[in-house]
Amino acid sequence: MNGSPSHFSSSAKPEAVEVLRPAERLSPVVFASPHSGACYSERFLEQAALPLKVLRRSEDAHIDVLFGSVTGLGAPLVRALFPRSYVDPNRAEHELDPVLFGPQAHALCGQTSQRASAGLGVIPRLAGEGNAIYEAMLPLEEAFERLASCYRPYHAALAGELTAAREAFGQSILIDCHSMPAASGRGADIVLGDRFGSSCAPELTGNAERILRSLGFKVVRNRPYAGGFAAEHYGLPAEGRHALQIEISRALYMDEHSLEPHQGFEPLKARLEAFAAALVDACRPQSLAAE
């Protein structure tokens, strides 16, 4: 499992993000893994009322490794190193939970989003199977510090790669990589989310689906995952900015309770590399010009 971050960090402020860049950028495609971070600071583990094994169930464990070969295809991979239960970069910065941070959060952010109200805001209140992460409220200053040290550096890195893609190729294509509990997939291996066509050009979503189906995956679109903040924020097809979320069933590659990879990991990794290679190749400038 080369490339996976450690589950512990002795530093109170571990590095927030890592950008794995290709030797040469060959297409406008940028891959991102916002939820595979596994660097848990000692301070966070002291704050949390849940054991590490429960906190880790919020991770999209190993997704960064499954897509780690994309740099060899000429595409970068942006991966968060902090855990999703600490900061969720697939939320808007203002999605603060007033239950966790008090009425000041509501006054600061205005209307509370449904995700924040459900305990799944940018600083999650719940983890695992709906377990409370903290025994008490957190000061609002804690949210500001986490946003400054984790959330903003991640999005600065991601935005930088997307800008570089647009400067080189005239457009950017974000593939936002996630995993999902097998039960929520309702029989699907992969769910593609393009916010019902608003975050990615239909031909790009359709091509991704065709490639995945050709590799034997059962694919559905937008249900139950239509795409989160990244797809909404970075996907503006009319401006040549495309964003497609991909959710992969965890049962395909790991034990969902222990998070340990099983015998399906390497075969899945090979199939996802084939998917990425076909997608990157189809999005090369000469390929797009030929269509």
C-alpha atoms as a PDB file:
ATOM      1  CA  MET A   1       0.000   0.000   0.000  1.00  0.00           C
ATOM      2  CA  ASN A   2       2.754   2.421  -0.902  1.00  0.00           C
ATOM      3  CA  GLY A   3       1.716   6.047  -0.741  1.00  0.00           C
ATOM      4  CA  SER A   4      -0.815   5.761   2.079  1.00  0.00           C
ATOM      5  CA  PRO A   5      -0.269   8.286   4.866  1.00  0.00           C
ATOM      6  CA  SER A   6       0.254   7.136   8.429  1.00  0.00           C
ATOM      7  CA  HIS A   7      -2.725   6.947  10.754  1.00  0.00           C
ATOM      8  CA  PHE A   8      -0.904   9.062  13.332  1.00  0.00           C
ATOM      9  CA  SER A   9       0.972  12.338  13.433  1.00  0.00           C
ATOM     10  CA  SER A  10       2.895  13.602  16.443  1.00  0.00           C
ATOM     11  CA  SER A  11       2.532  17.130  15.079  1.00  0.00           C
ATOM     12  CA  ALA A  12      -0.505  19.178  16.054  1.00  0.00           C
ATOM     13  CA  LYS A  13      -0.490  20.568  12.498  1.00  0.00           C
ATOM     14  CA  PRO A  14       0.438  17.829  10.038  1.00  0.00           C
ATOM     15  CA  GLU A  15       0.711  18.641   6.356  1.00  0.00           C
ATOM     16  CA  ALA A  16      -2.756  19.132   4.915  1.00  0.00           C
ATOM     17  CA  VAL A  17      -2.413  18.131   1.276  1.00  0.00           C
ATOM     18  CA  GLU A  18      -0.117  16.397  -1.159  1.00  0.00           C
ATOM     19  CA  VAL A  19      -0.080  16.965  -4.900  1.00  0.00           C
ATOM     20  CA  LEU A  20       1.336  14.100  -6.943  1.00  0.00           C
ATOM     21  CA  ARG A  21       2.286  15.560 -10.302  1.00  0.00           C
ATOM     22  CA  PRO A  22       3.177  13.816 -13.558  1.00  0.00           C
ATOM     23  CA  ALA A  23       6.498  14.359 -15.268  1.00  0.00           C
ATOM     24  CA  GLU A  24       4.471  15.896 -18.091  1.00  0.00           C
ATOM     25  CA  ARG A  25       0.842  17.018 -18.006  1.00  0.00           C
ATOM     26  CA  LEU A  26      -0.802  15.331 -21.009  1.00  0.00           C
ATOM     27  CA  SER A  27      -4.470  16.231 -20.643  1.00  0.00           C
ATOM     28  CA  PRO A  28      -6.812  18.581 -18.764  1.00  0.00           C
ATOM     29  CA  VAL A  29      -7.850  15.821 -16.327  1.00  0.00           C
ATOM     30  CA  VAL A  30      -7.129  16.334 -12.615  1.00  0.00           C
ATOM     31  CA  PHE A  31      -7.872  13.590 -10.087  1.00  0.00           C
ATOM     32  CA  ALA A  32      -8.632  14.374  -6.445  1.00  0.00           C
ATOM     33  CA  SER A  33      -9.099  12.287  -3.309  1.00  0.00           C
ATOM     34  CA  PRO A  34     -10.559  14.540  -0.589  1.00  0.00           C
ATOM     35  CA  HIS A  35     -11.639  11.846   1.881  1.00  0.00           C
ATOM     36  CA  SER A  36      -8.776   9.317   2.002  1.00  0.00           C
ATOM     37  CA  GLY A  37      -6.672  11.278   4.503  1.00  0.00           C
ATOM     38  CA  ALA A  38      -5.527   9.239   7.488  1.00  0.00           C
ATOM     39  CA  CYS A  39      -3.144  11.532   9.421  1.00  0.00           C
ATOM     40  CA  TYR A  40      -4.767  11.871  12.846  1.00  0.00           C
ATOM     41  CA  SER A  41      -3.040  14.365  15.119  1.00  0.00           C
ATOM     42  CA  GLU A  42      -2.664  13.506  18.782  1.00  0.00           C
ATOM     43  CA  ARG A  43      -4.636  16.626  19.647  1.00  0.00           C
ATOM     44  CA  PHE A  44      -7.622  15.539  17.578  1.00  0.00           C
ATOM     45  CA  LEU A  45      -7.572  12.060  19.078  1.00  0.00           C
ATOM     46  CA  GLU A  46      -7.572  13.659  22.547  1.00  0.00           C
ATOM     47  CA  GLN A  47     -10.519  15.879  21.596  1.00  0.00           C
ATOM     48  CA  ALA A  48     -12.549  13.024  20.143  1.00  0.00           C
ATOM     49  CA  ALA A  49     -14.798  10.846  22.254  1.00  0.00           C
ATOM     50  CA  LEU A  50     -14.596   8.041  19.680  1.00  0.00           C
ATOM     51  CA  PRO A  51     -11.766   5.546  19.221  1.00  0.00           C
ATOM     52  CA  LEU A  52      -9.627   5.752  16.100  1.00  0.00           C
ATOM     53  CA  LYS A  53     -11.184   2.637  14.568  1.00  0.00           C
ATOM     54  CA  VAL A  54     -14.606   4.321  14.596  1.00  0.00           C
ATOM     55  CA  LEU A  55     -13.304   7.661  13.337  1.00  0.00           C
ATOM     56  CA  ARG A  56     -11.645   5.854  10.449  1.00  0.00           C
ATOM     57  CA  ARG A  57     -14.952   4.531   9.166  1.00  0.00           C
ATOM     58  CA  SER A  58     -15.644   7.999   7.792  1.00  0.00           C
ATOM     59  CA  GLU A  59     -12.624   7.688   5.493  1.00  0.00           C
ATOM     60  CA  ASP A  60     -12.723   6.775   1.844  1.00  0.00           C
ATOM     61  CA  ALA A  61      -9.878   4.482   2.782  1.00  0.00           C
ATOM     62  CA  HIS A  62      -7.252   3.630   0.123  1.00  0.00           C
ATOM     63  CA  ILE A  63      -8.907   5.615  -2.658  1.00  0.00           C
ATOM     64  CA  ASP A  64      -5.723   7.640  -3.099  1.00  0.00           C
ATOM     65  CA  VAL A  65      -3.789   4.408  -3.578  1.00  0.00           C
ATOM     66  CA  LEU A  66      -6.318   2.997  -6.036  1.00  0.00           C
ATOM     67  CA  PHE A  67      -5.845   6.093  -8.195  1.00  0.00           C
ATOM     68  CA  GLY A  68      -2.169   6.580  -7.416  1.00  0.00           C
ATOM     69  CA  SER A  69      -0.998   5.496 -10.862  1.00  0.00           C
ATOM     70  CA  VAL A  70      -2.627   8.424 -12.673  1.00  0.00           C
ATOM     71  CA  THR A  71       0.596  10.433 -12.538  1.00  0.00           C
ATOM     72  CA  GLY A  72       2.108   7.889 -14.921  1.00  0.00           C
ATOM     73  CA  LEU A  73      -0.693   8.714 -17.338  1.00  0.00           C
ATOM     74  CA  GLY A  74       0.076  12.408 -17.374  1.00  0.00           C
ATOM     75  CA  ALA A  75      -2.491  13.584 -14.808  1.00  0.00           C
ATOM     76  CA  PRO A  76      -2.004  14.954 -11.282  1.00  0.00           C
ATOM     77  CA  LEU A  77      -3.583  13.579  -8.109  1.00  0.00           C
ATOM     78  CA  VAL A  78      -4.489  15.961  -5.268  1.00  0.00           C
ATOM     79  CA  ARG A  79      -5.023  14.133  -2.000  1.00  0.00           C
ATOM     80  CA  ALA A  80      -6.014  15.422   1.427  1.00  0.00           C
ATOM     81  CA  LEU A  81      -3.868  14.043   4.240  1.00  0.00           C
ATOM     82  CA  PHE A  82      -6.121  15.121   7.118  1.00  0.00           C
ATOM     83  CA  PRO A  83      -9.087  12.877   7.985  1.00  0.00           C
ATOM     84  CA  ARG A  84     -12.604  13.635   6.864  1.00  0.00           C
ATOM     85  CA  SER A  85     -13.828  13.414  10.469  1.00  0.00           C
ATOM     86  CA  TYR A  86     -11.554  16.391  11.290  1.00  0.00           C
ATOM     87  CA  VAL A  87     -12.391  18.588   8.297  1.00  0.00           C
ATOM     88  CA  ASP A  88     -14.533  17.695   5.299  1.00  0.00           C
ATOM     89  CA  PRO A  89     -13.228  19.478   2.178  1.00  0.00           C
ATOM     90  CA  ASN A  90     -16.267  18.349   0.175  1.00  0.00           C
ATOM     91  CA  ARG A  91     -18.393  20.905   1.989  1.00  0.00           C
ATOM     92  CA  ALA A  92     -18.636  24.656   1.602  1.00  0.00           C
ATOM     93  CA  GLU A  93     -16.506  26.616   4.037  1.00  0.00           C
ATOM     94  CA  HIS A  94     -19.576  28.219   5.618  1.00  0.00           C
ATOM     95  CA  GLU A  95     -21.310  24.889   6.403  1.00  0.00           C
ATOM     96  CA  LEU A  96     -20.748  25.139  10.151  1.00  0.00           C
ATOM     97  CA  ASP A  97     -22.936  23.185  12.553  1.00  0.00           C
ATOM     98  CA  PRO A  98     -24.666  25.369  15.188  1.00  0.00           C
ATOM     99  CA  VAL A  99     -25.165  22.303  17.385  1.00  0.00           C
ATOM    100  CA  LEU A 100     -21.389  21.875  17.531  1.00  0.00           C
ATOM    101  CA  PHE A 101     -20.336  25.533  17.506  1.00  0.00           C
ATOM    102  CA  GLY A 102     -23.340  27.349  18.995  1.00  0.00           C
ATOM    103  CA  PRO A 103     -25.595  30.109  17.678  1.00  0.00           C
ATOM    104  CA  GLN A 104     -22.595  32.195  16.642  1.00  0.00           C
ATOM    105  CA  ALA A 105     -22.046  29.779  13.778  1.00  0.00           C
ATOM    106  CA  HIS A 106     -25.577  30.340  12.540  1.00  0.00           C
ATOM    107  CA  ALA A 107     -25.217  34.107  12.844  1.00  0.00           C
ATOM    108  CA  LEU A 108     -21.913  34.005  10.998  1.00  0.00           C
ATOM    109  CA  CYS A 109     -23.004  31.702   8.168  1.00  0.00           C
ATOM    110  CA  GLY A 110     -26.638  32.643   7.758  1.00  0.00           C
ATOM    111  CA  GLN A 111     -28.966  29.780   6.868  1.00  0.00           C
ATOM    112  CA  THR A 112     -27.658  26.438   8.114  1.00  0.00           C
ATOM    113  CA  SER A 113     -27.325  23.850   5.347  1.00  0.00           C
ATOM    114  CA  GLN A 114     -29.093  20.507   5.579  1.00  0.00           C
ATOM    115  CA  ARG A 115     -25.728  18.741   5.698  1.00  0.00           C
ATOM    116  CA  ALA A 116     -24.521  20.844   8.620  1.00  0.00           C
ATOM    117  CA  SER A 117     -27.839  20.367  10.434  1.00  0.00           C
ATOM    118  CA  ALA A 118     -27.400  16.612  10.011  1.00  0.00           C
ATOM    119  CA  GLY A 119     -24.010  16.744  11.720  1.00  0.00           C
ATOM    120  CA  LEU A 120     -22.091  16.438   8.445  1.00  0.00           C
ATOM    121  CA  GLY A 121     -20.864  19.967   7.920  1.00  0.00           C
ATOM    122  CA  VAL A 122     -17.374  21.158   7.086  1.00  0.00           C
ATOM    123  CA  ILE A 123     -16.360  20.263  10.668  1.00  0.00           C
ATOM    124  CA  PRO A 124     -18.333  17.029  11.177  1.00  0.00           C
ATOM    125  CA  ARG A 125     -20.169  16.402  14.429  1.00  0.00           C
ATOM    126  CA  LEU A 126     -20.838  12.752  13.583  1.00  0.00           C
ATOM    127  CA  ALA A 127     -18.641   9.931  12.304  1.00  0.00           C
ATOM    128  CA  GLY A 128     -18.853   6.232  11.554  1.00  0.00           C
ATOM    129  CA  GLU A 129     -22.448   5.079  11.743  1.00  0.00           C
ATOM    130  CA  GLY A 130     -23.761   8.366  13.139  1.00  0.00           C
ATOM    131  CA  ASN A 131     -21.711   8.431  16.349  1.00  0.00           C
ATOM    132  CA  ALA A 132     -21.019  11.762  18.050  1.00  0.00           C
ATOM    133  CA  ILE A 133     -17.348  12.674  17.697  1.00  0.00           C
ATOM    134  CA  TYR A 134     -17.272  15.058  20.682  1.00  0.00           C
ATOM    135  CA  GLU A 135     -18.758  15.041  24.157  1.00  0.00           C
ATOM    136  CA  ALA A 136     -19.147  18.826  24.246  1.00  0.00           C
ATOM    137  CA  MET A 137     -19.355  21.811  21.943  1.00  0.00           C
ATOM    138  CA  LEU A 138     -16.235  23.248  20.338  1.00  0.00           C
ATOM    139  CA  PRO A 139     -15.222  26.919  20.363  1.00  0.00           C
ATOM    140  CA  LEU A 140     -15.735  28.713  17.071  1.00  0.00           C
ATOM    141  CA  GLU A 141     -12.011  29.505  17.023  1.00  0.00           C
ATOM    142  CA  GLU A 142     -11.385  25.765  16.583  1.00  0.00           C
ATOM    143  CA  ALA A 143     -13.344  25.824  13.334  1.00  0.00           C
ATOM    144  CA  PHE A 144     -11.406  28.853  12.098  1.00  0.00           C
ATOM    145  CA  GLU A 145      -8.082  27.148  12.847  1.00  0.00           C
ATOM    146  CA  ARG A 146      -9.047  23.939  11.043  1.00  0.00           C
ATOM    147  CA  LEU A 147     -10.303  25.836   8.017  1.00  0.00           C
ATOM    148  CA  ALA A 148      -7.063  27.797   7.863  1.00  0.00           C
ATOM    149  CA  SER A 149      -4.732  24.824   8.361  1.00  0.00           C
ATOM    150  CA  CYS A 150      -6.546  22.126   6.328  1.00  0.00           C
ATOM    151  CA  TYR A 151      -9.523  23.232   4.280  1.00  0.00           C
ATOM    152  CA  ARG A 152      -8.023  26.244   2.529  1.00  0.00           C
ATOM    153  CA  PRO A 153      -4.663  24.628   1.720  1.00  0.00           C
ATOM    154  CA  TYR A 154      -6.470  21.667   0.147  1.00  0.00           C
ATOM    155  CA  HIS A 155      -8.661  23.846  -2.033  1.00  0.00           C
ATOM    156  CA  ALA A 156      -5.774  26.148  -2.911  1.00  0.00           C
ATOM    157  CA  ALA A 157      -3.840  23.113  -4.173  1.00  0.00           C
ATOM    158  CA  LEU A 158      -6.816  21.732  -6.089  1.00  0.00           C
ATOM    159  CA  ALA A 159      -7.701  25.093  -7.614  1.00  0.00           C
ATOM    160  CA  GLY A 160      -4.060  25.533  -8.624  1.00  0.00           C
ATOM    161  CA  GLU A 161      -4.019  22.243 -10.531  1.00  0.00           C
ATOM    162  CA  LEU A 162      -7.308  23.022 -12.259  1.00  0.00           C
ATOM    163  CA  THR A 163      -6.047  26.457 -13.237  1.00  0.00           C
ATOM    164  CA  ALA A 164      -2.871  24.908 -14.641  1.00  0.00           C
ATOM    165  CA  ALA A 165      -4.994  22.496 -16.693  1.00  0.00           C
ATOM    166  CA  ARG A 166      -7.067  25.326 -18.139  1.00  0.00           C
ATOM    167  CA  GLU A 167      -3.972  27.356 -18.949  1.00  0.00           C
ATOM    168  CA  ALA A 168      -2.419  24.400 -20.772  1.00  0.00           C
ATOM    169  CA  PHE A 169      -5.485  22.973 -22.510  1.00  0.00           C
ATOM    170  CA  GLY A 170      -8.236  25.573 -22.377  1.00  0.00           C
ATOM    171  CA  GLN A 171     -10.390  23.514 -20.013  1.00  0.00           C
ATOM    172  CA  SER A 172     -10.230  21.501 -16.797  1.00  0.00           C
ATOM    173  CA  ILE A 173     -11.815  18.163 -15.923  1.00  0.00           C
ATOM    174  CA  LEU A 174     -11.963  17.259 -12.238  1.00  0.00           C
ATOM    175  CA  ILE A 175     -12.489  13.596 -11.346  1.00  0.00           C
ATOM    176  CA  ASP A 176     -13.403  13.696  -7.653  1.00  0.00           C
ATOM    177  CA  CYS A 177     -12.731  10.219  -6.273  1.00  0.00           C
ATOM    178  CA  HIS A 178     -14.690   8.710  -3.380  1.00  0.00           C
ATOM    179  CA  SER A 179     -15.863   5.388  -1.960  1.00  0.00           C
ATOM    180  CA  MET A 180     -19.287   4.422  -0.673  1.00  0.00           C
ATOM    181  CA  PRO A 181     -20.709   1.755   1.627  1.00  0.00           C
ATOM    182  CA  ALA A 182     -21.860  -1.144  -0.530  1.00  0.00           C
ATOM    183  CA  ALA A 183     -25.364  -0.950   0.952  1.00  0.00           C
ATOM    184  CA  SER A 184     -25.836   2.652  -0.144  1.00  0.00           C
ATOM    185  CA  GLY A 185     -24.870   1.770  -3.708  1.00  0.00           C
ATOM    186  CA  ARG A 186     -28.032  -0.363  -4.046  1.00  0.00           C
ATOM    187  CA  GLY A 187     -26.308  -2.928  -6.205  1.00  0.00           C
ATOM    188  CA  ALA A 188     -24.145  -0.502  -8.171  1.00  0.00           C
ATOM    189  CA  ASP A 189     -20.368  -0.839  -8.241  1.00  0.00           C
ATOM    190  CA  ILE A 190     -19.915   2.813  -9.155  1.00  0.00           C
ATOM    191  CA  VAL A 191     -22.080   5.923  -8.943  1.00  0.00           C
ATOM    192  CA  LEU A 192     -21.177   8.838 -11.208  1.00  0.00           C
ATOM    193  CA  GLY A 193     -22.327  12.227  -9.972  1.00  0.00           C
ATOM    194  CA  ASP A 194     -22.529  15.242 -12.281  1.00  0.00           C
ATOM    195  CA  ARG A 195     -25.273  17.048 -10.366  1.00  0.00           C
ATOM    196  CA  PHE A 196     -27.777  15.876 -12.966  1.00  0.00           C
ATOM    197  CA  GLY A 197     -25.790  17.364 -15.808  1.00  0.00           C
ATOM    198  CA  SER A 198     -24.969  20.750 -14.271  1.00  0.00           C
ATOM    199  CA  SER A 199     -21.327  20.116 -13.291  1.00  0.00           C
ATOM    200  CA  CYS A 200     -20.007  18.193 -16.310  1.00  0.00           C
ATOM    201  CA  ALA A 201     -20.713  18.118 -20.028  1.00  0.00           C
ATOM    202  CA  PRO A 202     -23.020  15.186 -20.870  1.00  0.00           C
ATOM    203  CA  GLU A 203     -20.561  13.751 -23.391  1.00  0.00           C
ATOM    204  CA  LEU A 204     -17.815  13.582 -20.741  1.00  0.00           C
ATOM    205  CA  THR A 205     -20.078  11.861 -18.197  1.00  0.00           C
ATOM    206  CA  GLY A 206     -21.336   9.519 -20.901  1.00  0.00           C
ATOM    207  CA  ASN A 207     -17.818   8.631 -21.995  1.00  0.00           C
ATOM    208  CA  ALA A 208     -16.763   7.887 -18.405  1.00  0.00           C
ATOM    209  CA  GLU A 209     -19.803   5.649 -17.994  1.00  0.00           C
ATOM    210  CA  ARG A 210     -19.097   3.787 -21.235  1.00  0.00           C
ATOM    211  CA  ILE A 211     -15.489   3.152 -20.236  1.00  0.00           C
ATOM    212  CA  LEU A 212     -16.498   1.861 -16.812  1.00  0.00           C
ATOM    213  CA  ARG A 213     -19.203  -0.388 -18.235  1.00  0.00           C
ATOM    214  CA  SER A 214     -16.736  -1.789 -20.767  1.00  0.00           C
ATOM    215  CA  LEU A 215     -14.566  -2.804 -17.810  1.00  0.00           C
ATOM    216  CA  GLY A 216     -17.436  -4.761 -16.274  1.00  0.00           C
ATOM    217  CA  PHE A 217     -18.653  -2.263 -13.656  1.00  0.00           C
ATOM    218  CA  LYS A 218     -22.321  -1.783 -12.798  1.00  0.00           C
ATOM    219  CA  VAL A 219     -22.739   1.984 -13.102  1.00  0.00           C
ATOM    220  CA  VAL A 220     -25.562   4.375 -12.209  1.00  0.00           C
ATOM    221  CA  ARG A 221     -25.727   8.144 -12.303  1.00  0.00           C
ATOM    222  CA  ASN A 222     -26.532  10.655  -9.554  1.00  0.00           C
ATOM    223  CA  ARG A 223     -28.418   8.307  -7.233  1.00  0.00           C
ATOM    224  CA  PRO A 224     -27.847   8.338  -4.366  1.00  0.00           C
ATOM    225  CA  TYR A 225     -24.784  10.569  -4.879  1.00  0.00           C
ATOM    226  CA  ALA A 226     -25.189  13.461  -7.319  1.00  0.00           C
ATOM    227  CA  GLY A 227     -21.969  15.222  -6.355  1.00  0.00           C
ATOM    228  CA  GLY A 228     -20.936  17.352  -3.401  1.00  0.00           C
ATOM    229  CA  PHE A 229     -19.351  20.756  -2.950  1.00  0.00           C
ATOM    230  CA  ALA A 230     -16.393  20.061  -5.241  1.00  0.00           C
ATOM    231  CA  ALA A 231     -18.633  19.133  -8.171  1.00  0.00           C
ATOM    232  CA  GLU A 232     -20.846  22.148  -7.547  1.00  0.00           C
ATOM    233  CA  HIS A 233     -17.979  24.601  -7.033  1.00  0.00           C
ATOM    234  CA  TYR A 234     -15.542  23.474  -9.716  1.00  0.00           C
ATOM    235  CA  GLY A 235     -18.035  22.319 -12.331  1.00  0.00           C
ATOM    236  CA  LEU A 236     -19.091  25.060 -14.748  1.00  0.00           C
ATOM    237  CA  PRO A 237     -19.295  23.315 -18.133  1.00  0.00           C
ATOM    238  CA  ALA A 238     -20.251  26.484 -20.010  1.00  0.00           C
ATOM    239  CA  GLU A 239     -16.860  27.911 -18.980  1.00  0.00           C
ATOM    240  CA  GLY A 240     -14.933  24.748 -19.844  1.00  0.00           C
ATOM    241  CA  ARG A 241     -14.742  23.683 -16.204  1.00  0.00           C
ATOM    242  CA  HIS A 242     -16.025  20.146 -15.726  1.00  0.00           C
ATOM    243  CA  ALA A 243     -16.345  18.171 -12.491  1.00  0.00           C
ATOM    244  CA  LEU A 244     -17.429  14.546 -12.153  1.00  0.00           C
ATOM    245  CA  GLN A 245     -17.722  12.689  -8.860  1.00  0.00           C
ATOM    246  CA  ILE A 246     -17.047   8.951  -8.802  1.00  0.00           C
ATOM    247  CA  GLU A 247     -18.172   6.767  -5.892  1.00  0.00           C
ATOM    248  CA  ILE A 248     -16.767   3.228  -5.713  1.00  0.00           C
ATOM    249  CA  SER A 249     -18.316   0.459  -3.641  1.00  0.00           C
ATOM    250  CA  ARG A 250     -16.017  -0.366  -0.737  1.00  0.00           C
ATOM    251  CA  ALA A 251     -16.992  -4.021  -0.896  1.00  0.00           C
ATOM    252  CA  LEU A 252     -15.069  -4.290  -4.170  1.00  0.00           C
ATOM    253  CA  TYR A 253     -11.722  -3.829  -2.477  1.00  0.00           C
ATOM    254  CA  MET A 254     -11.827  -3.946   1.318  1.00  0.00           C
ATOM    255  CA  ASP A 255     -13.485  -5.244   4.459  1.00  0.00           C
ATOM    256  CA  GLU A 256     -15.909  -2.457   5.304  1.00  0.00           C
ATOM    257  CA  HIS A 257     -15.571  -2.999   9.055  1.00  0.00           C
ATOM    258  CA  SER A 258     -11.801  -3.326   9.451  1.00  0.00           C
ATOM    259  CA  LEU A 259     -10.965  -1.226   6.347  1.00  0.00           C
ATOM    260  CA  GLU A 260      -8.323  -3.787   5.421  1.00  0.00           C
ATOM    261  CA  PRO A 261      -7.915  -4.430   1.677  1.00  0.00           C
ATOM    262  CA  HIS A 262      -8.953  -7.899   0.534  1.00  0.00           C
ATOM    263  CA  GLN A 263      -8.174  -9.996  -2.534  1.00  0.00           C
ATOM    264  CA  GLY A 264     -10.222  -7.699  -4.754  1.00  0.00           C
ATOM    265  CA  PHE A 265      -7.925  -4.710  -4.200  1.00  0.00           C
ATOM    266  CA  GLU A 266      -5.284  -5.344  -6.860  1.00  0.00           C
ATOM    267  CA  PRO A 267      -7.779  -6.400  -9.575  1.00  0.00           C
ATOM    268  CA  LEU A 268      -9.827  -3.275  -8.884  1.00  0.00           C
ATOM    269  CA  LYS A 269      -6.713  -1.098  -8.972  1.00  0.00           C
ATOM    270  CA  ALA A 270      -5.858  -2.514 -12.403  1.00  0.00           C
ATOM    271  CA  ARG A 271      -9.375  -1.857 -13.709  1.00  0.00           C
ATOM    272  CA  LEU A 272      -9.365   1.703 -12.379  1.00  0.00           C
ATOM    273  CA  GLU A 273      -5.994   2.309 -13.989  1.00  0.00           C
ATOM    274  CA  ALA A 274      -7.479   1.133 -17.291  1.00  0.00           C
ATOM    275  CA  PHE A 275     -10.415   3.494 -16.751  1.00  0.00           C
ATOM    276  CA  ALA A 276      -8.116   6.426 -15.972  1.00  0.00           C
ATOM    277  CA  ALA A 277      -5.888   5.661 -18.968  1.00  0.00           C
ATOM    278  CA  ALA A 278      -8.849   5.569 -21.359  1.00  0.00           C
ATOM    279  CA  LEU A 279     -10.348   8.737 -19.894  1.00  0.00           C
ATOM    280  CA  VAL A 280      -7.089  10.691 -19.960  1.00  0.00           C
ATOM    281  CA  ASP A 281      -6.411   9.538 -23.519  1.00  0.00           C
ATOM    282  CA  ALA A 282      -9.896  10.539 -24.667  1.00  0.00           C
ATOM    283  CA  CYS A 283      -9.418  13.999 -23.147  1.00  0.00           C
ATOM    284  CA  ARG A 284      -6.058  14.705 -24.782  1.00  0.00           C
ATOM    285  CA  PRO A 285      -6.238  17.739 -27.097  1.00  0.00           C
ATOM    286  CA  GLN A 286      -5.740  15.652 -30.253  1.00  0.00           C
ATOM    287  CA  SER A 287      -8.496  13.244 -29.166  1.00  0.00           C
ATOM    288  CA  LEU A 288     -10.915  16.064 -28.481  1.00  0.00           C
ATOM    289  CA  ALA A 289     -10.096  17.721 -31.785  1.00  0.00           C
ATOM    290  CA  ALA A 290     -10.782  14.493 -33.683  1.00  0.00           C
ATOM    291  CA  GLU A 291     -14.295  14.074 -32.304  1.00  0.00           C
END
